[in-house]
Amino acid sequence: GLTLLDDGLVFMTDSDVRVDSQVLVAYAKAAEHAARGCFYGGPVLVDAEHGLPPKWQRRYYPQTIAEPWWLPWEQPTETPDENFMGTNWAAFACDLREAGGFDTRLGPGGTTGAAGQETEAQRRLVAGGARPIYVPTALAWHYLHREFLNEAWLLKRIYRHALEWGIRRTRGNPSIIPILRTAIGRLNAHAKGAALRMLGGDERRFAAAFHEAKWRGRWDGIWLGRKWEELPKVQVQDRKSTRLNSSHRT
């Protein structure tokens, strides 16, 4: 999409998100005095048509899937230590392109299966000098699908987020220290898992599976990060050729 867009504010969301009728107005108003150098994010609530997971299990879910996310400000506010949710944020196309766009090895459709595409892009925006602005009136609701309540789905999602954690530890870092620390963490996770299963109960059984999935993902991510530059990317044409091809197809 960035290869086709002119410079301007781009609103990004997911296919399973309901947005407030004024969400575009809220972002446009927050950005009316900027042409670049800022990016924006709003609250994400939950549409739970199929019910919520047990309260004890919700803390294992990634943000905005089982519990809402918002920040305690009533006016647009700069939030330098926050990442916005990928289901509800906006940035200027020129800033995104200068930051390198999105890393196609991460996120939905990515070549590694790891999560974190939006967070990675936001980190690079901040590194390039862009300021994150929280917009409290830019409301969205993330749909809680029935399959999200399945433990197998949740453990798979935990693994994907852990992959990104491991990748960040070794990408561009030849040190062996992250490998050693992650190996110790994985051994501890197996020991903890065995102890929790011996104690019994649904909560302990799931906690054991959680620790094992998390550290398995981190371990696999460590090795993906070590060979990061060798991993394939989704091929994206440059802006000029993409525009020409699009015009030709039309």
C-alpha atoms as a PDB file:
ATOM      1  CA  GLY A   1       0.000   0.000   0.000  1.00  0.00           C
ATOM      2  CA  LEU A   2       2.813   2.419   0.792  1.00  0.00           C
ATOM      3  CA  THR A   3       4.103   2.034  -2.772  1.00  0.00           C
ATOM      4  CA  LEU A   4       0.830   3.472  -4.079  1.00  0.00           C
ATOM      5  CA  LEU A   5       0.135   6.255  -1.573  1.00  0.00           C
ATOM      6  CA  ASP A   6       1.102   9.869  -1.798  1.00  0.00           C
ATOM      7  CA  ASP A   7       2.256  11.610   1.379  1.00  0.00           C
ATOM      8  CA  GLY A   8      -0.556  11.911   3.889  1.00  0.00           C
ATOM      9  CA  LEU A   9      -1.920  10.403   7.073  1.00  0.00           C
ATOM     10  CA  VAL A  10      -2.641   6.667   6.790  1.00  0.00           C
ATOM     11  CA  PHE A  11      -5.102   4.990   9.177  1.00  0.00           C
ATOM     12  CA  MET A  12      -4.260   1.352   9.900  1.00  0.00           C
ATOM     13  CA  THR A  13      -6.535  -1.276  11.403  1.00  0.00           C
ATOM     14  CA  ASP A  14      -7.511  -4.956  11.041  1.00  0.00           C
ATOM     15  CA  SER A  15     -10.275  -6.777   9.192  1.00  0.00           C
ATOM     16  CA  ASP A  16     -11.954  -7.766  12.490  1.00  0.00           C
ATOM     17  CA  VAL A  17     -12.222  -4.282  13.988  1.00  0.00           C
ATOM     18  CA  ARG A  18     -15.272  -2.045  14.440  1.00  0.00           C
ATOM     19  CA  VAL A  19     -14.466   1.669  14.590  1.00  0.00           C
ATOM     20  CA  ASP A  20     -16.322   4.650  15.956  1.00  0.00           C
ATOM     21  CA  SER A  21     -18.039   6.719  13.267  1.00  0.00           C
ATOM     22  CA  GLN A  22     -15.756   9.680  14.099  1.00  0.00           C
ATOM     23  CA  VAL A  23     -12.442   7.824  14.192  1.00  0.00           C
ATOM     24  CA  LEU A  24     -11.099   9.389  10.978  1.00  0.00           C
ATOM     25  CA  VAL A  25     -12.239  12.831  12.127  1.00  0.00           C
ATOM     26  CA  ALA A  26     -10.415  12.313  15.446  1.00  0.00           C
ATOM     27  CA  TYR A  27      -7.146  11.422  13.729  1.00  0.00           C
ATOM     28  CA  ALA A  28      -7.469  14.195  11.147  1.00  0.00           C
ATOM     29  CA  LYS A  29      -8.091  16.759  13.885  1.00  0.00           C
ATOM     30  CA  ALA A  30      -5.139  15.525  15.958  1.00  0.00           C
ATOM     31  CA  ALA A  31      -2.876  15.783  12.903  1.00  0.00           C
ATOM     32  CA  GLU A  32      -4.257  19.021  11.414  1.00  0.00           C
ATOM     33  CA  HIS A  33      -1.147  21.057  12.274  1.00  0.00           C
ATOM     34  CA  ALA A  34       1.359  18.375  11.224  1.00  0.00           C
ATOM     35  CA  ALA A  35       2.451  17.084   7.858  1.00  0.00           C
ATOM     36  CA  ARG A  36       4.942  14.562   9.220  1.00  0.00           C
ATOM     37  CA  GLY A  37       6.990  13.800  12.338  1.00  0.00           C
ATOM     38  CA  CYS A  38       4.145  12.371  14.460  1.00  0.00           C
ATOM     39  CA  PHE A  39       2.163   9.162  14.581  1.00  0.00           C
ATOM     40  CA  TYR A  40      -1.055   8.453  16.441  1.00  0.00           C
ATOM     41  CA  GLY A  41      -2.964   5.729  18.267  1.00  0.00           C
ATOM     42  CA  GLY A  42      -6.292   5.350  20.021  1.00  0.00           C
ATOM     43  CA  PRO A  43      -8.044   3.084  22.544  1.00  0.00           C
ATOM     44  CA  VAL A  44      -9.034  -0.453  21.615  1.00  0.00           C
ATOM     45  CA  LEU A  45     -12.027  -2.038  23.351  1.00  0.00           C
ATOM     46  CA  VAL A  46     -13.312  -5.613  22.946  1.00  0.00           C
ATOM     47  CA  ASP A  47     -16.394  -6.959  21.147  1.00  0.00           C
ATOM     48  CA  ALA A  48     -16.996 -10.229  23.017  1.00  0.00           C
ATOM     49  CA  GLU A  49     -20.002 -11.739  21.224  1.00  0.00           C
ATOM     50  CA  HIS A  50     -18.920 -15.264  22.214  1.00  0.00           C
ATOM     51  CA  GLY A  51     -18.033 -14.392  25.793  1.00  0.00           C
ATOM     52  CA  LEU A  52     -14.686 -13.832  27.478  1.00  0.00           C
ATOM     53  CA  PRO A  53     -12.087 -16.369  28.612  1.00  0.00           C
ATOM     54  CA  PRO A  54     -11.897 -17.115  32.360  1.00  0.00           C
ATOM     55  CA  LYS A  55     -10.609 -14.138  34.312  1.00  0.00           C
ATOM     56  CA  TRP A  56      -7.455 -15.987  35.394  1.00  0.00           C
ATOM     57  CA  GLN A  57      -6.586 -16.705  31.745  1.00  0.00           C
ATOM     58  CA  ARG A  58      -6.986 -13.179  30.368  1.00  0.00           C
ATOM     59  CA  ARG A  59      -3.552 -12.051  31.483  1.00  0.00           C
ATOM     60  CA  TYR A  60      -2.022 -14.552  29.055  1.00  0.00           C
ATOM     61  CA  TYR A  61      -3.638 -12.911  26.026  1.00  0.00           C
ATOM     62  CA  PRO A  62      -1.917 -10.276  23.897  1.00  0.00           C
ATOM     63  CA  GLN A  63      -3.298  -6.791  24.489  1.00  0.00           C
ATOM     64  CA  THR A  64      -6.746  -5.895  23.077  1.00  0.00           C
ATOM     65  CA  ILE A  65      -7.835  -9.485  22.404  1.00  0.00           C
ATOM     66  CA  ALA A  66      -9.473 -10.312  25.744  1.00  0.00           C
ATOM     67  CA  GLU A  67      -9.141  -7.022  27.630  1.00  0.00           C
ATOM     68  CA  PRO A  68      -9.418  -3.380  26.501  1.00  0.00           C
ATOM     69  CA  TRP A  69      -6.438  -1.048  26.144  1.00  0.00           C
ATOM     70  CA  TRP A  70      -6.421   2.685  26.725  1.00  0.00           C
ATOM     71  CA  LEU A  71      -4.304   5.410  28.341  1.00  0.00           C
ATOM     72  CA  PRO A  72      -5.477   7.809  31.071  1.00  0.00           C
ATOM     73  CA  TRP A  73      -5.649  11.029  29.031  1.00  0.00           C
ATOM     74  CA  GLU A  74      -8.724  12.903  27.852  1.00  0.00           C
ATOM     75  CA  GLN A  75      -6.936  15.057  25.254  1.00  0.00           C
ATOM     76  CA  PRO A  76      -4.396  14.181  22.540  1.00  0.00           C
ATOM     77  CA  THR A  77      -1.153  13.640  24.460  1.00  0.00           C
ATOM     78  CA  GLU A  78       2.415  12.789  23.515  1.00  0.00           C
ATOM     79  CA  THR A  79       3.313   9.396  25.001  1.00  0.00           C
ATOM     80  CA  PRO A  80       7.034   8.747  24.373  1.00  0.00           C
ATOM     81  CA  ASP A  81       7.151   5.401  26.211  1.00  0.00           C
ATOM     82  CA  GLU A  82       4.105   3.748  24.618  1.00  0.00           C
ATOM     83  CA  ASN A  83       3.508   1.565  21.582  1.00  0.00           C
ATOM     84  CA  PHE A  84       0.074   1.826  20.000  1.00  0.00           C
ATOM     85  CA  MET A  85      -2.026  -1.172  19.085  1.00  0.00           C
ATOM     86  CA  GLY A  86      -1.757  -2.377  15.499  1.00  0.00           C
ATOM     87  CA  THR A  87      -5.565  -2.502  15.322  1.00  0.00           C
ATOM     88  CA  ASN A  88      -5.909   1.281  15.691  1.00  0.00           C
ATOM     89  CA  TRP A  89      -3.172   3.695  14.711  1.00  0.00           C
ATOM     90  CA  ALA A  90      -2.173   6.216  12.057  1.00  0.00           C
ATOM     91  CA  ALA A  91       1.082   7.551  10.619  1.00  0.00           C
ATOM     92  CA  PHE A  92       2.231   9.698   7.740  1.00  0.00           C
ATOM     93  CA  ALA A  93       3.141   7.716   4.635  1.00  0.00           C
ATOM     94  CA  CYS A  94       6.324   9.726   4.132  1.00  0.00           C
ATOM     95  CA  ASP A  95       7.515   8.927   7.667  1.00  0.00           C
ATOM     96  CA  LEU A  96       6.751   5.226   7.228  1.00  0.00           C
ATOM     97  CA  ARG A  97       8.643   5.074   3.945  1.00  0.00           C
ATOM     98  CA  GLU A  98      11.657   6.911   5.383  1.00  0.00           C
ATOM     99  CA  ALA A  99      11.650   4.484   8.328  1.00  0.00           C
ATOM    100  CA  GLY A 100      11.838   1.577   5.883  1.00  0.00           C
ATOM    101  CA  GLY A 101       8.153   0.699   5.714  1.00  0.00           C
ATOM    102  CA  PHE A 102       7.080  -2.561   7.306  1.00  0.00           C
ATOM    103  CA  ASP A 103       9.393  -5.520   7.736  1.00  0.00           C
ATOM    104  CA  THR A 104       7.663  -8.260   5.747  1.00  0.00           C
ATOM    105  CA  ARG A 105       9.453 -10.935   7.743  1.00  0.00           C
ATOM    106  CA  LEU A 106       7.145 -10.047  10.663  1.00  0.00           C
ATOM    107  CA  GLY A 107       3.395  -9.867  11.131  1.00  0.00           C
ATOM    108  CA  PRO A 108       0.426 -11.290   9.197  1.00  0.00           C
ATOM    109  CA  GLY A 109       1.665 -12.815   5.955  1.00  0.00           C
ATOM    110  CA  GLY A 110       5.246 -12.442   7.146  1.00  0.00           C
ATOM    111  CA  THR A 111       7.860 -14.977   6.184  1.00  0.00           C
ATOM    112  CA  THR A 112       8.807 -16.040   9.748  1.00  0.00           C
ATOM    113  CA  GLY A 113       5.442 -16.356  11.511  1.00  0.00           C
ATOM    114  CA  ALA A 114       6.552 -13.878  14.176  1.00  0.00           C
ATOM    115  CA  ALA A 115       4.269 -11.096  15.397  1.00  0.00           C
ATOM    116  CA  GLY A 116       5.334  -7.505  16.028  1.00  0.00           C
ATOM    117  CA  GLN A 117       5.259  -5.860  12.590  1.00  0.00           C
ATOM    118  CA  GLU A 118       3.508  -2.685  13.810  1.00  0.00           C
ATOM    119  CA  THR A 119       5.597  -2.423  16.969  1.00  0.00           C
ATOM    120  CA  GLU A 120       8.766  -2.741  14.914  1.00  0.00           C
ATOM    121  CA  ALA A 121       7.600   0.033  12.568  1.00  0.00           C
ATOM    122  CA  GLN A 122       6.734   2.287  15.506  1.00  0.00           C
ATOM    123  CA  ARG A 123      10.149   1.750  17.078  1.00  0.00           C
ATOM    124  CA  ARG A 124      11.789   2.827  13.830  1.00  0.00           C
ATOM    125  CA  LEU A 125       9.521   5.864  13.586  1.00  0.00           C
ATOM    126  CA  VAL A 126      10.599   6.941  17.078  1.00  0.00           C
ATOM    127  CA  ALA A 127      14.252   6.303  16.232  1.00  0.00           C
ATOM    128  CA  GLY A 128      13.783   8.620  13.242  1.00  0.00           C
ATOM    129  CA  GLY A 129      12.436  11.412  15.475  1.00  0.00           C
ATOM    130  CA  ALA A 130       8.666  10.915  15.121  1.00  0.00           C
ATOM    131  CA  ARG A 131       6.550  11.587  18.215  1.00  0.00           C
ATOM    132  CA  PRO A 132       3.765   9.188  19.352  1.00  0.00           C
ATOM    133  CA  ILE A 133       0.489  10.994  20.111  1.00  0.00           C
ATOM    134  CA  TYR A 134      -2.373   9.250  21.931  1.00  0.00           C
ATOM    135  CA  VAL A 135      -5.827  10.263  20.621  1.00  0.00           C
ATOM    136  CA  PRO A 136      -8.488   9.242  23.198  1.00  0.00           C
ATOM    137  CA  THR A 137     -11.472   9.895  20.905  1.00  0.00           C
ATOM    138  CA  ALA A 138     -10.196   7.588  18.131  1.00  0.00           C
ATOM    139  CA  LEU A 139     -12.119   4.535  19.367  1.00  0.00           C
ATOM    140  CA  ALA A 140     -12.038   1.000  17.981  1.00  0.00           C
ATOM    141  CA  TRP A 141     -13.358  -2.393  19.094  1.00  0.00           C
ATOM    142  CA  HIS A 142     -11.450  -5.623  18.404  1.00  0.00           C
ATOM    143  CA  TYR A 143     -13.671  -8.646  17.712  1.00  0.00           C
ATOM    144  CA  LEU A 144     -13.078 -11.636  19.970  1.00  0.00           C
ATOM    145  CA  HIS A 145     -13.571 -14.594  17.624  1.00  0.00           C
ATOM    146  CA  ARG A 146     -14.842 -17.887  18.990  1.00  0.00           C
ATOM    147  CA  GLU A 147     -11.561 -19.640  18.126  1.00  0.00           C
ATOM    148  CA  PHE A 148      -9.654 -17.105  20.235  1.00  0.00           C
ATOM    149  CA  LEU A 149     -11.170 -18.795  23.295  1.00  0.00           C
ATOM    150  CA  ASN A 150      -9.443 -22.054  22.381  1.00  0.00           C
ATOM    151  CA  GLU A 151      -6.314 -22.816  24.412  1.00  0.00           C
ATOM    152  CA  ALA A 152      -4.475 -24.176  21.379  1.00  0.00           C
ATOM    153  CA  TRP A 153      -5.040 -20.867  19.537  1.00  0.00           C
ATOM    154  CA  LEU A 154      -3.796 -18.884  22.516  1.00  0.00           C
ATOM    155  CA  LEU A 155      -0.639 -20.972  22.906  1.00  0.00           C
ATOM    156  CA  LYS A 156       0.111 -20.557  19.199  1.00  0.00           C
ATOM    157  CA  ARG A 157      -0.287 -16.782  19.524  1.00  0.00           C
ATOM    158  CA  ILE A 158       1.977 -16.747  22.600  1.00  0.00           C
ATOM    159  CA  TYR A 159       4.598 -18.614  20.567  1.00  0.00           C
ATOM    160  CA  ARG A 160       4.379 -16.042  17.728  1.00  0.00           C
ATOM    161  CA  HIS A 161       4.936 -13.117  20.102  1.00  0.00           C
ATOM    162  CA  ALA A 162       7.839 -14.955  21.717  1.00  0.00           C
ATOM    163  CA  LEU A 163       9.459 -15.434  18.304  1.00  0.00           C
ATOM    164  CA  GLU A 164       9.627 -11.647  17.914  1.00  0.00           C
ATOM    165  CA  TRP A 165      11.211 -11.315  21.385  1.00  0.00           C
ATOM    166  CA  GLY A 166      13.979 -13.725  20.425  1.00  0.00           C
ATOM    167  CA  ILE A 167      14.538 -12.109  17.029  1.00  0.00           C
ATOM    168  CA  ARG A 168      15.121  -8.712  18.631  1.00  0.00           C
ATOM    169  CA  ARG A 169      17.741 -10.165  21.003  1.00  0.00           C
ATOM    170  CA  THR A 170      20.046 -11.513  18.287  1.00  0.00           C
ATOM    171  CA  ARG A 171      19.231  -9.581  15.119  1.00  0.00           C
ATOM    172  CA  GLY A 172      22.447  -7.732  14.342  1.00  0.00           C
ATOM    173  CA  ASN A 173      23.963  -8.984  17.609  1.00  0.00           C
ATOM    174  CA  PRO A 174      26.639 -11.695  17.186  1.00  0.00           C
ATOM    175  CA  SER A 175      27.074 -12.159  20.963  1.00  0.00           C
ATOM    176  CA  ILE A 176      26.482 -15.634  22.377  1.00  0.00           C
ATOM    177  CA  ILE A 177      25.072 -14.230  25.645  1.00  0.00           C
ATOM    178  CA  PRO A 178      21.406 -14.045  24.480  1.00  0.00           C
ATOM    179  CA  ILE A 179      21.644 -17.681  23.393  1.00  0.00           C
ATOM    180  CA  LEU A 180      22.937 -18.776  26.775  1.00  0.00           C
ATOM    181  CA  ARG A 181      20.337 -16.767  28.691  1.00  0.00           C
ATOM    182  CA  THR A 182      17.520 -18.094  26.548  1.00  0.00           C
ATOM    183  CA  ALA A 183      18.755 -21.672  26.919  1.00  0.00           C
ATOM    184  CA  ILE A 184      18.679 -21.254  30.708  1.00  0.00           C
ATOM    185  CA  GLY A 185      15.200 -19.699  30.491  1.00  0.00           C
ATOM    186  CA  ARG A 186      13.932 -22.615  28.447  1.00  0.00           C
ATOM    187  CA  LEU A 187      15.314 -25.173  30.903  1.00  0.00           C
ATOM    188  CA  ASN A 188      13.684 -23.273  33.755  1.00  0.00           C
ATOM    189  CA  ALA A 189      10.389 -23.232  31.847  1.00  0.00           C
ATOM    190  CA  HIS A 190      10.476 -27.025  31.447  1.00  0.00           C
ATOM    191  CA  ALA A 191      11.227 -27.490  35.147  1.00  0.00           C
ATOM    192  CA  LYS A 192       8.500 -25.053  36.153  1.00  0.00           C
ATOM    193  CA  GLY A 193       6.070 -26.747  33.778  1.00  0.00           C
ATOM    194  CA  ALA A 194       6.737 -30.165  35.269  1.00  0.00           C
ATOM    195  CA  ALA A 195       6.222 -28.824  38.799  1.00  0.00           C
ATOM    196  CA  LEU A 196       2.982 -27.059  37.896  1.00  0.00           C
ATOM    197  CA  ARG A 197       1.546 -30.178  36.262  1.00  0.00           C
ATOM    198  CA  MET A 198       2.347 -32.213  39.346  1.00  0.00           C
ATOM    199  CA  LEU A 199       0.367 -29.747  41.459  1.00  0.00           C
ATOM    200  CA  GLY A 200      -2.629 -30.197  39.127  1.00  0.00           C
ATOM    201  CA  GLY A 201      -5.588 -27.991  38.220  1.00  0.00           C
ATOM    202  CA  ASP A 202      -6.564 -26.201  35.011  1.00  0.00           C
ATOM    203  CA  GLU A 203      -4.806 -22.962  35.896  1.00  0.00           C
ATOM    204  CA  ARG A 204      -1.496 -24.644  36.702  1.00  0.00           C
ATOM    205  CA  ARG A 205      -1.724 -26.914  33.680  1.00  0.00           C
ATOM    206  CA  PHE A 206      -2.222 -23.934  31.384  1.00  0.00           C
ATOM    207  CA  ALA A 207       0.514 -21.936  33.129  1.00  0.00           C
ATOM    208  CA  ALA A 208       2.893 -24.825  32.406  1.00  0.00           C
ATOM    209  CA  ALA A 209       1.920 -24.863  28.721  1.00  0.00           C
ATOM    210  CA  PHE A 210       2.263 -21.062  28.589  1.00  0.00           C
ATOM    211  CA  HIS A 211       5.817 -21.017  29.953  1.00  0.00           C
ATOM    212  CA  GLU A 212       6.882 -23.797  27.604  1.00  0.00           C
ATOM    213  CA  ALA A 213       5.314 -22.157  24.500  1.00  0.00           C
ATOM    214  CA  LYS A 214       6.817 -18.788  25.391  1.00  0.00           C
ATOM    215  CA  TRP A 215      10.337 -20.072  25.862  1.00  0.00           C
ATOM    216  CA  ARG A 216      10.143 -22.388  22.855  1.00  0.00           C
ATOM    217  CA  GLY A 217       9.198 -19.356  20.767  1.00  0.00           C
ATOM    218  CA  ARG A 218      11.993 -17.268  22.263  1.00  0.00           C
ATOM    219  CA  TRP A 219      14.496 -20.034  21.552  1.00  0.00           C
ATOM    220  CA  ASP A 220      13.362 -20.386  17.941  1.00  0.00           C
ATOM    221  CA  GLY A 221      13.367 -16.599  17.584  1.00  0.00           C
ATOM    222  CA  ILE A 222      16.953 -16.385  18.830  1.00  0.00           C
ATOM    223  CA  TRP A 223      18.070 -18.512  15.876  1.00  0.00           C
ATOM    224  CA  LEU A 224      15.902 -16.632  13.385  1.00  0.00           C
ATOM    225  CA  GLY A 225      17.539 -13.408  14.548  1.00  0.00           C
ATOM    226  CA  ARG A 226      21.010 -14.880  14.080  1.00  0.00           C
ATOM    227  CA  LYS A 227      20.332 -15.426  10.355  1.00  0.00           C
ATOM    228  CA  TRP A 228      18.018 -12.437   9.897  1.00  0.00           C
ATOM    229  CA  GLU A 229      19.606 -11.000   6.791  1.00  0.00           C
ATOM    230  CA  GLU A 230      19.390 -14.375   5.061  1.00  0.00           C
ATOM    231  CA  LEU A 231      15.625 -14.704   5.561  1.00  0.00           C
ATOM    232  CA  PRO A 232      13.380 -13.969   2.564  1.00  0.00           C
ATOM    233  CA  LYS A 233      11.193 -10.878   2.406  1.00  0.00           C
ATOM    234  CA  VAL A 234       7.925 -10.381   0.588  1.00  0.00           C
ATOM    235  CA  GLN A 235       8.932  -8.690  -2.655  1.00  0.00           C
ATOM    236  CA  VAL A 236       7.620  -5.137  -3.011  1.00  0.00           C
ATOM    237  CA  GLN A 237       7.984  -3.141  -6.220  1.00  0.00           C
ATOM    238  CA  ASP A 238       9.244   0.407  -6.124  1.00  0.00           C
ATOM    239  CA  ARG A 239       6.610   3.151  -6.235  1.00  0.00           C
ATOM    240  CA  LYS A 240       7.121   4.113  -9.879  1.00  0.00           C
ATOM    241  CA  SER A 241       6.830   0.610 -11.345  1.00  0.00           C
ATOM    242  CA  THR A 242       3.892  -0.251  -9.086  1.00  0.00           C
ATOM    243  CA  ARG A 243       2.003   2.829 -10.245  1.00  0.00           C
ATOM    244  CA  LEU A 244       2.711   1.984 -13.882  1.00  0.00           C
ATOM    245  CA  ASN A 245       1.551  -1.621 -13.463  1.00  0.00           C
ATOM    246  CA  SER A 246      -1.586  -0.513 -11.600  1.00  0.00           C
ATOM    247  CA  SER A 247      -2.405   2.005 -14.324  1.00  0.00           C
ATOM    248  CA  HIS A 248      -1.850  -0.625 -17.029  1.00  0.00           C
ATOM    249  CA  ARG A 249      -4.180  -3.113 -15.321  1.00  0.00           C
ATOM    250  CA  THR A 250      -6.856  -0.435 -15.021  1.00  0.00           C
END
